[in-house]
Amino acid sequence: MELWAKVQEIVTSVPFVFLIAVIIAVALYRWGGRISAKAPPIEGKLASYACGEELSAEKIQVNLQRFFAYCVYFMIFDILAFMLATSLSSPGLLPATFAFILLLAVVMLLPLVGRR
């Protein structure tokens, strides 16, 4: 009986379950790769776009300053939503104060997006 309890403890441990899950996932991935339909190679696939259209490098450039500003906006509103969701039950001006500070941060970032 004691041996069965030890085996059960090992089998239900987190590392053993994780290892079994990884082994099953790899096995399903390889089996799926073997039984899947193989498509013939397409000639235009090595081009920059699948349609075969050639674009110059100047058309693909991204304005990183604008991208950064949008990323900061996303983070600001994400943090604001999380903070408001977790602190609305607390009494006082903490949620309103934090929202006001974040509103000031957004107003300060507006000139960055407005350019160009």
PDB file of N, CA and C in Angstrom:
ATOM      1  N   MET A   1       0.811  -1.191   0.000  1.00  0.00           N
ATOM      2  CA  MET A   1       0.000   0.000   0.000  1.00  0.00           C
ATOM      3  C   MET A   1       0.857   1.259   0.000  1.00  0.00           C
ATOM      4  N   GLU A   2       1.966   1.213   0.700  1.00  0.00           N
ATOM      5  CA  GLU A   2       2.838   2.369   0.768  1.00  0.00           C
ATOM      6  C   GLU A   2       3.493   2.641  -0.583  1.00  0.00           C
ATOM      7  N   LEU A   3       3.818   1.595  -1.325  1.00  0.00           N
ATOM      8  CA  LEU A   3       4.411   1.748  -2.660  1.00  0.00           C
ATOM      9  C   LEU A   3       3.429   2.417  -3.607  1.00  0.00           C
ATOM     10  N   TRP A   4       2.151   2.015  -3.513  1.00  0.00           N
ATOM     11  CA  TRP A   4       1.129   2.637  -4.371  1.00  0.00           C
ATOM     12  C   TRP A   4       0.976   4.122  -4.064  1.00  0.00           C
ATOM     13  N   ALA A   5       1.057   4.518  -2.832  1.00  0.00           N
ATOM     14  CA  ALA A   5       0.955   5.927  -2.455  1.00  0.00           C
ATOM     15  C   ALA A   5       2.135   6.720  -3.008  1.00  0.00           C
ATOM     16  N   LYS A   6       3.343   6.133  -2.980  1.00  0.00           N
ATOM     17  CA  LYS A   6       4.516   6.804  -3.537  1.00  0.00           C
ATOM     18  C   LYS A   6       4.379   6.982  -5.044  1.00  0.00           C
ATOM     19  N   VAL A   7       3.917   5.941  -5.743  1.00  0.00           N
ATOM     20  CA  VAL A   7       3.731   6.025  -7.194  1.00  0.00           C
ATOM     21  C   VAL A   7       2.683   7.075  -7.532  1.00  0.00           C
ATOM     22  N   GLN A   8       1.604   7.083  -6.781  1.00  0.00           N
ATOM     23  CA  GLN A   8       0.550   8.069  -7.013  1.00  0.00           C
ATOM     24  C   GLN A   8       1.053   9.484  -6.761  1.00  0.00           C
ATOM     25  N   GLU A   9       1.893   9.670  -5.765  1.00  0.00           N
ATOM     26  CA  GLU A   9       2.448  10.981  -5.484  1.00  0.00           C
ATOM     27  C   GLU A   9       3.369  11.441  -6.614  1.00  0.00           C
ATOM     28  N   ILE A  10       4.165  10.542  -7.165  1.00  0.00           N
ATOM     29  CA  ILE A  10       5.070  10.894  -8.267  1.00  0.00           C
ATOM     30  C   ILE A  10       4.284  11.206  -9.532  1.00  0.00           C
ATOM     31  N   VAL A  11       3.279  10.395  -9.833  1.00  0.00           N
ATOM     32  CA  VAL A  11       2.501  10.572 -11.060  1.00  0.00           C
ATOM     33  C   VAL A  11       1.694  11.870 -11.031  1.00  0.00           C
ATOM     34  N   THR A  12       1.251  12.289  -9.884  1.00  0.00           N
ATOM     35  CA  THR A  12       0.448  13.513  -9.803  1.00  0.00           C
ATOM     36  C   THR A  12       1.282  14.756  -9.491  1.00  0.00           C
ATOM     37  N   SER A  13       2.594  14.632  -9.475  1.00  0.00           N
ATOM     38  CA  SER A  13       3.435  15.801  -9.225  1.00  0.00           C
ATOM     39  C   SER A  13       3.449  16.704 -10.460  1.00  0.00           C
ATOM     40  N   VAL A  14       3.661  17.984 -10.256  1.00  0.00           N
ATOM     41  CA  VAL A  14       3.618  18.975 -11.333  1.00  0.00           C
ATOM     42  C   VAL A  14       4.684  18.707 -12.399  1.00  0.00           C
ATOM     43  N   PRO A  15       5.948  18.433 -12.051  1.00  0.00           N
ATOM     44  CA  PRO A  15       6.935  18.189 -13.111  1.00  0.00           C
ATOM     45  C   PRO A  15       6.600  16.974 -13.974  1.00  0.00           C
ATOM     46  N   PHE A  16       6.088  15.914 -13.361  1.00  0.00           N
ATOM     47  CA  PHE A  16       5.751  14.716 -14.127  1.00  0.00           C
ATOM     48  C   PHE A  16       4.581  14.991 -15.075  1.00  0.00           C
ATOM     49  N   VAL A  17       3.570  15.687 -14.607  1.00  0.00           N
ATOM     50  CA  VAL A  17       2.421  16.018 -15.456  1.00  0.00           C
ATOM     51  C   VAL A  17       2.852  16.934 -16.593  1.00  0.00           C
ATOM     52  N   PHE A  18       3.736  17.897 -16.312  1.00  0.00           N
ATOM     53  CA  PHE A  18       4.246  18.789 -17.352  1.00  0.00           C
ATOM     54  C   PHE A  18       5.028  17.999 -18.390  1.00  0.00           C
ATOM     55  N   LEU A  19       5.874  17.086 -17.953  1.00  0.00           N
ATOM     56  CA  LEU A  19       6.658  16.263 -18.874  1.00  0.00           C
ATOM     57  C   LEU A  19       5.750  15.412 -19.758  1.00  0.00           C
ATOM     58  N   ILE A  20       4.739  14.814 -19.197  1.00  0.00           N
ATOM     59  CA  ILE A  20       3.799  14.017 -19.979  1.00  0.00           C
ATOM     60  C   ILE A  20       3.061  14.898 -20.986  1.00  0.00           C
ATOM     61  N   ALA A  21       2.661  16.108 -20.582  1.00  0.00           N
ATOM     62  CA  ALA A  21       1.967  17.018 -21.497  1.00  0.00           C
ATOM     63  C   ALA A  21       2.865  17.416 -22.655  1.00  0.00           C
ATOM     64  N   VAL A  22       4.142  17.678 -22.384  1.00  0.00           N
ATOM     65  CA  VAL A  22       5.080  18.032 -23.447  1.00  0.00           C
ATOM     66  C   VAL A  22       5.290  16.859 -24.395  1.00  0.00           C
ATOM     67  N   ILE A  23       5.427  15.675 -23.857  1.00  0.00           N
ATOM     68  CA  ILE A  23       5.612  14.484 -24.703  1.00  0.00           C
ATOM     69  C   ILE A  23       4.399  14.268 -25.595  1.00  0.00           C
ATOM     70  N   ILE A  24       3.199  14.415 -25.067  1.00  0.00           N
ATOM     71  CA  ILE A  24       1.983  14.250 -25.869  1.00  0.00           C
ATOM     72  C   ILE A  24       1.891  15.326 -26.935  1.00  0.00           C
ATOM     73  N   ALA A  25       2.235  16.577 -26.588  1.00  0.00           N
ATOM     74  CA  ALA A  25       2.177  17.669 -27.567  1.00  0.00           C
ATOM     75  C   ALA A  25       3.161  17.442 -28.705  1.00  0.00           C
ATOM     76  N   VAL A  26       4.378  17.015 -28.392  1.00  0.00           N
ATOM     77  CA  VAL A  26       5.372  16.748 -29.441  1.00  0.00           C
ATOM     78  C   VAL A  26       4.926  15.586 -30.310  1.00  0.00           C
ATOM     79  N   ALA A  27       4.381  14.558 -29.700  1.00  0.00           N
ATOM     80  CA  ALA A  27       3.911  13.402 -30.476  1.00  0.00           C
ATOM     81  C   ALA A  27       2.773  13.800 -31.420  1.00  0.00           C
ATOM     82  N   LEU A  28       1.815  14.600 -30.933  1.00  0.00           N
ATOM     83  CA  LEU A  28       0.720  15.040 -31.798  1.00  0.00           C
ATOM     84  C   LEU A  28       1.226  15.944 -32.923  1.00  0.00           C
ATOM     85  N   TYR A  29       2.206  16.783 -32.639  1.00  0.00           N
ATOM     86  CA  TYR A  29       2.765  17.675 -33.655  1.00  0.00           C
ATOM     87  C   TYR A  29       3.450  16.866 -34.756  1.00  0.00           C
ATOM     88  N   ARG A  30       4.261  15.898 -34.364  1.00  0.00           N
ATOM     89  CA  ARG A  30       4.950  15.072 -35.373  1.00  0.00           C
ATOM     90  C   ARG A  30       3.976  14.200 -36.150  1.00  0.00           C
ATOM     91  N   TRP A  31       3.008  13.624 -35.467  1.00  0.00           N
ATOM     92  CA  TRP A  31       2.028  12.787 -36.158  1.00  0.00           C
ATOM     93  C   TRP A  31       1.212  13.628 -37.136  1.00  0.00           C
ATOM     94  N   GLY A  32       0.837  14.838 -36.742  1.00  0.00           N
ATOM     95  CA  GLY A  32       0.099  15.727 -37.635  1.00  0.00           C
ATOM     96  C   GLY A  32       0.925  16.124 -38.840  1.00  0.00           C
ATOM     97  N   GLY A  33       2.223  16.325 -38.645  1.00  0.00           N
ATOM     98  CA  GLY A  33       3.097  16.656 -39.761  1.00  0.00           C
ATOM     99  C   GLY A  33       3.236  15.519 -40.754  1.00  0.00           C
ATOM    100  N   ARG A  34       3.186  14.317 -40.271  1.00  0.00           N
ATOM    101  CA  ARG A  34       3.306  13.151 -41.168  1.00  0.00           C
ATOM    102  C   ARG A  34       2.032  12.894 -41.963  1.00  0.00           C
ATOM    103  N   ILE A  35       0.873  13.119 -41.345  1.00  0.00           N
ATOM    104  CA  ILE A  35      -0.366  12.777 -42.044  1.00  0.00           C
ATOM    105  C   ILE A  35      -0.975  13.945 -42.805  1.00  0.00           C
ATOM    106  N   SER A  36      -0.403  15.137 -42.653  1.00  0.00           N
ATOM    107  CA  SER A  36      -0.984  16.296 -43.335  1.00  0.00           C
ATOM    108  C   SER A  36      -0.712  16.237 -44.834  1.00  0.00           C
ATOM    109  N   ALA A  37      -1.569  16.911 -45.593  1.00  0.00           N
ATOM    110  CA  ALA A  37      -1.407  16.955 -47.041  1.00  0.00           C
ATOM    111  C   ALA A  37      -0.218  17.838 -47.380  1.00  0.00           C
ATOM    112  N   LYS A  38       0.595  17.358 -48.311  1.00  0.00           N
ATOM    113  CA  LYS A  38       1.769  18.120 -48.720  1.00  0.00           C
ATOM    114  C   LYS A  38       1.433  18.898 -49.985  1.00  0.00           C
ATOM    115  N   ALA A  39       1.586  20.215 -49.923  1.00  0.00           N
ATOM    116  CA  ALA A  39       1.294  21.066 -51.072  1.00  0.00           C
ATOM    117  C   ALA A  39       2.546  21.203 -51.928  1.00  0.00           C
ATOM    118  N   PRO A  40       2.361  21.330 -53.227  1.00  0.00           N
ATOM    119  CA  PRO A  40       3.527  21.535 -54.080  1.00  0.00           C
ATOM    120  C   PRO A  40       4.110  22.928 -53.820  1.00  0.00           C
ATOM    121  N   PRO A  41       5.419  23.099 -54.000  1.00  0.00           N
ATOM    122  CA  PRO A  41       6.009  24.418 -53.747  1.00  0.00           C
ATOM    123  C   PRO A  41       5.507  25.459 -54.744  1.00  0.00           C
ATOM    124  N   ILE A  42       5.273  26.673 -54.240  1.00  0.00           N
ATOM    125  CA  ILE A  42       4.785  27.763 -55.076  1.00  0.00           C
ATOM    126  C   ILE A  42       5.970  28.666 -55.398  1.00  0.00           C
ATOM    127  N   GLU A  43       6.108  29.048 -56.657  1.00  0.00           N
ATOM    128  CA  GLU A  43       7.287  29.804 -57.081  1.00  0.00           C
ATOM    129  C   GLU A  43       7.347  31.196 -56.476  1.00  0.00           C
ATOM    130  N   GLY A  44       6.248  31.873 -56.317  1.00  0.00           N
ATOM    131  CA  GLY A  44       6.261  33.243 -55.837  1.00  0.00           C
ATOM    132  C   GLY A  44       6.408  33.384 -54.334  1.00  0.00           C
ATOM    133  N   LYS A  45       6.524  32.281 -53.608  1.00  0.00           N
ATOM    134  CA  LYS A  45       6.557  32.343 -52.158  1.00  0.00           C
ATOM    135  C   LYS A  45       7.830  32.974 -51.611  1.00  0.00           C
ATOM    136  N   LEU A  46       8.923  32.963 -52.325  1.00  0.00           N
ATOM    137  CA  LEU A  46      10.157  33.525 -51.816  1.00  0.00           C
ATOM    138  C   LEU A  46      10.239  35.036 -52.021  1.00  0.00           C
ATOM    139  N   ALA A  47       9.280  35.597 -52.727  1.00  0.00           N
ATOM    140  CA  ALA A  47       9.256  37.046 -52.923  1.00  0.00           C
ATOM    141  C   ALA A  47       8.832  37.722 -51.621  1.00  0.00           C
ATOM    142  N   SER A  48       8.987  39.054 -51.567  1.00  0.00           N
ATOM    143  CA  SER A  48       8.656  39.762 -50.339  1.00  0.00           C
ATOM    144  C   SER A  48       7.164  39.684 -50.019  1.00  0.00           C
ATOM    145  N   TYR A  49       6.331  39.564 -51.030  1.00  0.00           N
ATOM    146  CA  TYR A  49       4.898  39.377 -50.840  1.00  0.00           C
ATOM    147  C   TYR A  49       4.466  38.155 -51.623  1.00  0.00           C
ATOM    148  N   ALA A  50       3.461  37.451 -51.143  1.00  0.00           N
ATOM    149  CA  ALA A  50       3.012  36.229 -51.801  1.00  0.00           C
ATOM    150  C   ALA A  50       2.438  36.508 -53.185  1.00  0.00           C
ATOM    151  N   CYS A  51       1.945  37.720 -53.403  1.00  0.00           N
ATOM    152  CA  CYS A  51       1.371  38.035 -54.704  1.00  0.00           C
ATOM    153  C   CYS A  51       2.461  38.284 -55.745  1.00  0.00           C
ATOM    154  N   GLY A  52       3.729  38.400 -55.306  1.00  0.00           N
ATOM    155  CA  GLY A  52       4.822  38.590 -56.232  1.00  0.00           C
ATOM    156  C   GLY A  52       5.128  40.040 -56.531  1.00  0.00           C
ATOM    157  N   GLU A  53       4.387  40.971 -55.946  1.00  0.00           N
ATOM    158  CA  GLU A  53       4.622  42.386 -56.196  1.00  0.00           C
ATOM    159  C   GLU A  53       5.911  42.818 -55.515  1.00  0.00           C
ATOM    160  N   GLU A  54       6.761  43.502 -56.246  1.00  0.00           N
ATOM    161  CA  GLU A  54       8.016  43.996 -55.693  1.00  0.00           C
ATOM    162  C   GLU A  54       7.828  45.443 -55.238  1.00  0.00           C
ATOM    163  N   LEU A  55       8.085  45.712 -53.969  1.00  0.00           N
ATOM    164  CA  LEU A  55       7.991  47.060 -53.434  1.00  0.00           C
ATOM    165  C   LEU A  55       9.380  47.536 -53.039  1.00  0.00           C
ATOM    166  N   SER A  56       9.622  48.790 -53.224  1.00  0.00           N
ATOM    167  CA  SER A  56      10.911  49.336 -52.819  1.00  0.00           C
ATOM    168  C   SER A  56      10.952  49.484 -51.305  1.00  0.00           C
ATOM    169  N   ALA A  57      12.152  49.601 -50.753  1.00  0.00           N
ATOM    170  CA  ALA A  57      12.314  49.675 -49.302  1.00  0.00           C
ATOM    171  C   ALA A  57      11.763  50.975 -48.723  1.00  0.00           C
ATOM    172  N   GLU A  58      11.701  52.037 -49.518  1.00  0.00           N
ATOM    173  CA  GLU A  58      11.210  53.311 -49.000  1.00  0.00           C
ATOM    174  C   GLU A  58       9.729  53.240 -48.636  1.00  0.00           C
ATOM    175  N   LYS A  59       8.961  52.418 -49.311  1.00  0.00           N
ATOM    176  CA  LYS A  59       7.524  52.342 -49.047  1.00  0.00           C
ATOM    177  C   LYS A  59       7.209  51.542 -47.792  1.00  0.00           C
ATOM    178  N   ILE A  60       8.140  50.748 -47.311  1.00  0.00           N
ATOM    179  CA  ILE A  60       7.869  49.850 -46.195  1.00  0.00           C
ATOM    180  C   ILE A  60       8.293  50.454 -44.857  1.00  0.00           C
ATOM    181  N   GLN A  61       9.005  51.545 -44.848  1.00  0.00           N
ATOM    182  CA  GLN A  61       9.520  52.116 -43.604  1.00  0.00           C
ATOM    183  C   GLN A  61       8.381  52.567 -42.686  1.00  0.00           C
ATOM    184  N   VAL A  62       8.608  52.360 -41.389  1.00  0.00           N
ATOM    185  CA  VAL A  62       7.615  52.689 -40.374  1.00  0.00           C
ATOM    186  C   VAL A  62       8.124  53.887 -39.573  1.00  0.00           C
ATOM    187  N   ASN A  63       7.219  54.791 -39.245  1.00  0.00           N
ATOM    188  CA  ASN A  63       7.576  55.926 -38.406  1.00  0.00           C
ATOM    189  C   ASN A  63       7.642  55.430 -36.960  1.00  0.00           C
ATOM    190  N   LEU A  64       8.857  55.205 -36.474  1.00  0.00           N
ATOM    191  CA  LEU A  64       9.021  54.617 -35.143  1.00  0.00           C
ATOM    192  C   LEU A  64       8.586  55.553 -34.025  1.00  0.00           C
ATOM    193  N   GLN A  65       8.724  56.849 -34.219  1.00  0.00           N
ATOM    194  CA  GLN A  65       8.307  57.790 -33.180  1.00  0.00           C
ATOM    195  C   GLN A  65       6.798  57.721 -32.975  1.00  0.00           C
ATOM    196  N   ARG A  66       6.064  57.628 -34.047  1.00  0.00           N
ATOM    197  CA  ARG A  66       4.609  57.518 -33.955  1.00  0.00           C
ATOM    198  C   ARG A  66       4.203  56.163 -33.361  1.00  0.00           C
ATOM    199  N   PHE A  67       4.902  55.112 -33.776  1.00  0.00           N
ATOM    200  CA  PHE A  67       4.636  53.780 -33.240  1.00  0.00           C
ATOM    201  C   PHE A  67       4.879  53.763 -31.733  1.00  0.00           C
ATOM    202  N   PHE A  68       5.968  54.382 -31.287  1.00  0.00           N
ATOM    203  CA  PHE A  68       6.268  54.455 -29.863  1.00  0.00           C
ATOM    204  C   PHE A  68       5.181  55.202 -29.105  1.00  0.00           C
ATOM    205  N   ALA A  69       4.701  56.283 -29.682  1.00  0.00           N
ATOM    206  CA  ALA A  69       3.647  57.053 -29.012  1.00  0.00           C
ATOM    207  C   ALA A  69       2.378  56.222 -28.859  1.00  0.00           C
ATOM    208  N   TYR A  70       2.010  55.474 -29.893  1.00  0.00           N
ATOM    209  CA  TYR A  70       0.824  54.627 -29.787  1.00  0.00           C
ATOM    210  C   TYR A  70       1.033  53.512 -28.765  1.00  0.00           C
ATOM    211  N   CYS A  71       2.250  52.977 -28.679  1.00  0.00           N
ATOM    212  CA  CYS A  71       2.536  51.964 -27.661  1.00  0.00           C
ATOM    213  C   CYS A  71       2.390  52.540 -26.259  1.00  0.00           C
ATOM    214  N   VAL A  72       2.871  53.761 -26.079  1.00  0.00           N
ATOM    215  CA  VAL A  72       2.751  54.403 -24.765  1.00  0.00           C
ATOM    216  C   VAL A  72       1.278  54.671 -24.444  1.00  0.00           C
ATOM    217  N   TYR A  73       0.498  55.117 -25.442  1.00  0.00           N
ATOM    218  CA  TYR A  73      -0.937  55.302 -25.218  1.00  0.00           C
ATOM    219  C   TYR A  73      -1.599  53.996 -24.782  1.00  0.00           C
ATOM    220  N   PHE A  74      -1.259  52.920 -25.467  1.00  0.00           N
ATOM    221  CA  PHE A  74      -1.836  51.631 -25.103  1.00  0.00           C
ATOM    222  C   PHE A  74      -1.494  51.279 -23.660  1.00  0.00           C
ATOM    223  N   MET A  75      -0.231  51.453 -23.281  1.00  0.00           N
ATOM    224  CA  MET A  75       0.168  51.132 -21.915  1.00  0.00           C
ATOM    225  C   MET A  75      -0.548  52.018 -20.899  1.00  0.00           C
ATOM    226  N   ILE A  76      -0.682  53.286 -21.216  1.00  0.00           N
ATOM    227  CA  ILE A  76      -1.359  54.205 -20.292  1.00  0.00           C
ATOM    228  C   ILE A  76      -2.804  53.769 -20.067  1.00  0.00           C
ATOM    229  N   PHE A  77      -3.529  53.502 -21.151  1.00  0.00           N
ATOM    230  CA  PHE A  77      -4.930  53.122 -20.993  1.00  0.00           C
ATOM    231  C   PHE A  77      -5.084  51.724 -20.410  1.00  0.00           C
ATOM    232  N   ASP A  78      -4.136  50.847 -20.675  1.00  0.00           N
ATOM    233  CA  ASP A  78      -4.172  49.509 -20.094  1.00  0.00           C
ATOM    234  C   ASP A  78      -3.981  49.598 -18.581  1.00  0.00           C
ATOM    235  N   ILE A  79      -3.009  50.385 -18.155  1.00  0.00           N
ATOM    236  CA  ILE A  79      -2.771  50.560 -16.716  1.00  0.00           C
ATOM    237  C   ILE A  79      -3.952  51.262 -16.059  1.00  0.00           C
ATOM    238  N   LEU A  80      -4.523  52.241 -16.746  1.00  0.00           N
ATOM    239  CA  LEU A  80      -5.683  52.942 -16.192  1.00  0.00           C
ATOM    240  C   LEU A  80      -6.860  51.979 -16.002  1.00  0.00           C
ATOM    241  N   ALA A  81      -7.123  51.149 -16.992  1.00  0.00           N
ATOM    242  CA  ALA A  81      -8.241  50.197 -16.881  1.00  0.00           C
ATOM    243  C   ALA A  81      -8.004  49.221 -15.738  1.00  0.00           C
ATOM    244  N   PHE A  82      -6.784  48.724 -15.602  1.00  0.00           N
ATOM    245  CA  PHE A  82      -6.484  47.789 -14.522  1.00  0.00           C
ATOM    246  C   PHE A  82      -6.613  48.469 -13.162  1.00  0.00           C
ATOM    247  N   MET A  83      -6.080  49.688 -13.061  1.00  0.00           N
ATOM    248  CA  MET A  83      -6.137  50.402 -11.795  1.00  0.00           C
ATOM    249  C   MET A  83      -7.581  50.723 -11.407  1.00  0.00           C
ATOM    250  N   LEU A  84      -8.370  51.165 -12.363  1.00  0.00           N
ATOM    251  CA  LEU A  84      -9.760  51.483 -12.047  1.00  0.00           C
ATOM    252  C   LEU A  84     -10.545  50.226 -11.683  1.00  0.00           C
ATOM    253  N   ALA A  85     -10.256  49.125 -12.351  1.00  0.00           N
ATOM    254  CA  ALA A  85     -10.971  47.887 -12.043  1.00  0.00           C
ATOM    255  C   ALA A  85     -10.637  47.361 -10.654  1.00  0.00           C
ATOM    256  N   THR A  86      -9.431  47.614 -10.193  1.00  0.00           N
ATOM    257  CA  THR A  86      -9.037  47.073  -8.891  1.00  0.00           C
ATOM    258  C   THR A  86      -9.213  48.047  -7.738  1.00  0.00           C
ATOM    259  N   SER A  87      -9.425  49.341  -8.015  1.00  0.00           N
ATOM    260  CA  SER A  87      -9.483  50.284  -6.903  1.00  0.00           C
ATOM    261  C   SER A  87     -10.811  51.019  -6.775  1.00  0.00           C
ATOM    262  N   LEU A  88     -11.794  50.688  -7.571  1.00  0.00           N
ATOM    263  CA  LEU A  88     -13.071  51.388  -7.446  1.00  0.00           C
ATOM    264  C   LEU A  88     -13.792  51.056  -6.148  1.00  0.00           C
ATOM    265  N   SER A  89     -13.466  49.929  -5.560  1.00  0.00           N
ATOM    266  CA  SER A  89     -14.124  49.579  -4.302  1.00  0.00           C
ATOM    267  C   SER A  89     -13.512  50.317  -3.108  1.00  0.00           C
ATOM    268  N   SER A  90     -12.323  50.910  -3.315  1.00  0.00           N
ATOM    269  CA  SER A  90     -11.697  51.621  -2.201  1.00  0.00           C
ATOM    270  C   SER A  90     -12.263  53.040  -2.117  1.00  0.00           C
ATOM    271  N   PRO A  91     -12.557  53.491  -0.903  1.00  0.00           N
ATOM    272  CA  PRO A  91     -13.093  54.849  -0.764  1.00  0.00           C
ATOM    273  C   PRO A  91     -11.986  55.886  -0.940  1.00  0.00           C
ATOM    274  N   GLY A  92     -12.383  57.078  -1.273  1.00  0.00           N
ATOM    275  CA  GLY A  92     -11.409  58.156  -1.385  1.00  0.00           C
ATOM    276  C   GLY A  92     -11.199  58.598  -2.817  1.00  0.00           C
ATOM    277  N   LEU A  93     -10.206  59.422  -3.001  1.00  0.00           N
ATOM    278  CA  LEU A  93      -9.941  60.014  -4.302  1.00  0.00           C
ATOM    279  C   LEU A  93      -8.832  59.300  -5.063  1.00  0.00           C
ATOM    280  N   LEU A  94      -8.372  58.150  -4.604  1.00  0.00           N
ATOM    281  CA  LEU A  94      -7.269  57.472  -5.265  1.00  0.00           C
ATOM    282  C   LEU A  94      -7.557  57.157  -6.732  1.00  0.00           C
ATOM    283  N   PRO A  95      -8.687  56.556  -7.089  1.00  0.00           N
ATOM    284  CA  PRO A  95      -8.933  56.275  -8.511  1.00  0.00           C
ATOM    285  C   PRO A  95      -9.017  57.543  -9.359  1.00  0.00           C
ATOM    286  N   ALA A  96      -9.680  58.564  -8.844  1.00  0.00           N
ATOM    287  CA  ALA A  96      -9.807  59.811  -9.606  1.00  0.00           C
ATOM    288  C   ALA A  96      -8.462  60.506  -9.752  1.00  0.00           C
ATOM    289  N   THR A  97      -7.648  60.489  -8.704  1.00  0.00           N
ATOM    290  CA  THR A  97      -6.323  61.106  -8.777  1.00  0.00           C
ATOM    291  C   THR A  97      -5.444  60.401  -9.789  1.00  0.00           C
ATOM    292  N   PHE A  98      -5.449  59.095  -9.761  1.00  0.00           N
ATOM    293  CA  PHE A  98      -4.641  58.332 -10.702  1.00  0.00           C
ATOM    294  C   PHE A  98      -5.118  58.548 -12.135  1.00  0.00           C
ATOM    295  N   ALA A  99      -6.423  58.587 -12.333  1.00  0.00           N
ATOM    296  CA  ALA A  99      -6.960  58.840 -13.678  1.00  0.00           C
ATOM    297  C   ALA A  99      -6.573  60.230 -14.165  1.00  0.00           C
ATOM    298  N   PHE A 100      -6.566  61.204 -13.271  1.00  0.00           N
ATOM    299  CA  PHE A 100      -6.164  62.562 -13.641  1.00  0.00           C
ATOM    300  C   PHE A 100      -4.687  62.614 -14.026  1.00  0.00           C
ATOM    301  N   ILE A 101      -3.840  61.907 -13.301  1.00  0.00           N
ATOM    302  CA  ILE A 101      -2.413  61.865 -13.628  1.00  0.00           C
ATOM    303  C   ILE A 101      -2.203  61.222 -14.995  1.00  0.00           C
ATOM    304  N   LEU A 102      -2.928  60.156 -15.283  1.00  0.00           N
ATOM    305  CA  LEU A 102      -2.804  59.508 -16.589  1.00  0.00           C
ATOM    306  C   LEU A 102      -3.360  60.383 -17.704  1.00  0.00           C
ATOM    307  N   LEU A 103      -4.392  61.142 -17.409  1.00  0.00           N
ATOM    308  CA  LEU A 103      -4.917  62.077 -18.403  1.00  0.00           C
ATOM    309  C   LEU A 103      -3.876  63.144 -18.731  1.00  0.00           C
ATOM    310  N   LEU A 104      -3.162  63.615 -17.734  1.00  0.00           N
ATOM    311  CA  LEU A 104      -2.084  64.566 -17.981  1.00  0.00           C
ATOM    312  C   LEU A 104      -0.975  63.943 -18.831  1.00  0.00           C
ATOM    313  N   ALA A 105      -0.674  62.673 -18.609  1.00  0.00           N
ATOM    314  CA  ALA A 105       0.342  61.996 -19.417  1.00  0.00           C
ATOM    315  C   ALA A 105      -0.104  61.906 -20.869  1.00  0.00           C
ATOM    316  N   VAL A 106      -1.373  61.630 -21.101  1.00  0.00           N
ATOM    317  CA  VAL A 106      -1.886  61.559 -22.472  1.00  0.00           C
ATOM    318  C   VAL A 106      -1.817  62.925 -23.132  1.00  0.00           C
ATOM    319  N   VAL A 107      -2.175  63.962 -22.416  1.00  0.00           N
ATOM    320  CA  VAL A 107      -2.131  65.313 -22.977  1.00  0.00           C
ATOM    321  C   VAL A 107      -0.696  65.706 -23.313  1.00  0.00           C
ATOM    322  N   MET A 108       0.260  65.291 -22.507  1.00  0.00           N
ATOM    323  CA  MET A 108       1.661  65.594 -22.794  1.00  0.00           C
ATOM    324  C   MET A 108       2.164  64.843 -24.019  1.00  0.00           C
ATOM    325  N   LEU A 109       1.593  63.691 -24.313  1.00  0.00           N
ATOM    326  CA  LEU A 109       2.030  62.907 -25.484  1.00  0.00           C
ATOM    327  C   LEU A 109       1.340  63.315 -26.774  1.00  0.00           C
ATOM    328  N   LEU A 110       0.290  64.096 -26.711  1.00  0.00           N
ATOM    329  CA  LEU A 110      -0.423  64.481 -27.916  1.00  0.00           C
ATOM    330  C   LEU A 110       0.451  65.157 -28.973  1.00  0.00           C
ATOM    331  N   PRO A 111       1.368  66.042 -28.610  1.00  0.00           N
ATOM    332  CA  PRO A 111       2.206  66.644 -29.665  1.00  0.00           C
ATOM    333  C   PRO A 111       3.081  65.627 -30.411  1.00  0.00           C
ATOM    334  N   LEU A 112       3.420  64.516 -29.787  1.00  0.00           N
ATOM    335  CA  LEU A 112       4.222  63.512 -30.476  1.00  0.00           C
ATOM    336  C   LEU A 112       3.471  62.863 -31.629  1.00  0.00           C
ATOM    337  N   VAL A 113       2.192  62.595 -31.436  1.00  0.00           N
ATOM    338  CA  VAL A 113       1.403  61.938 -32.476  1.00  0.00           C
ATOM    339  C   VAL A 113       0.943  62.941 -33.504  1.00  0.00           C
ATOM    340  N   GLY A 114       0.741  64.180 -33.120  1.00  0.00           N
ATOM    341  CA  GLY A 114       0.258  65.199 -34.025  1.00  0.00           C
ATOM    342  C   GLY A 114       1.251  65.573 -35.123  1.00  0.00           C
ATOM    343  N   ARG A 115       2.541  65.338 -34.875  1.00  0.00           N
ATOM    344  CA  ARG A 115       3.551  65.672 -35.889  1.00  0.00           C
ATOM    345  C   ARG A 115       3.497  64.711 -37.058  1.00  0.00           C
ATOM    346  N   ARG A 116       3.808  65.229 -38.233  1.00  0.00           N
ATOM    347  CA  ARG A 116       3.912  64.454 -39.460  1.00  0.00           C
ATOM    348  C   ARG A 116       2.626  63.802 -39.789  1.00  0.00           C
TER     349      ARG A 116
END
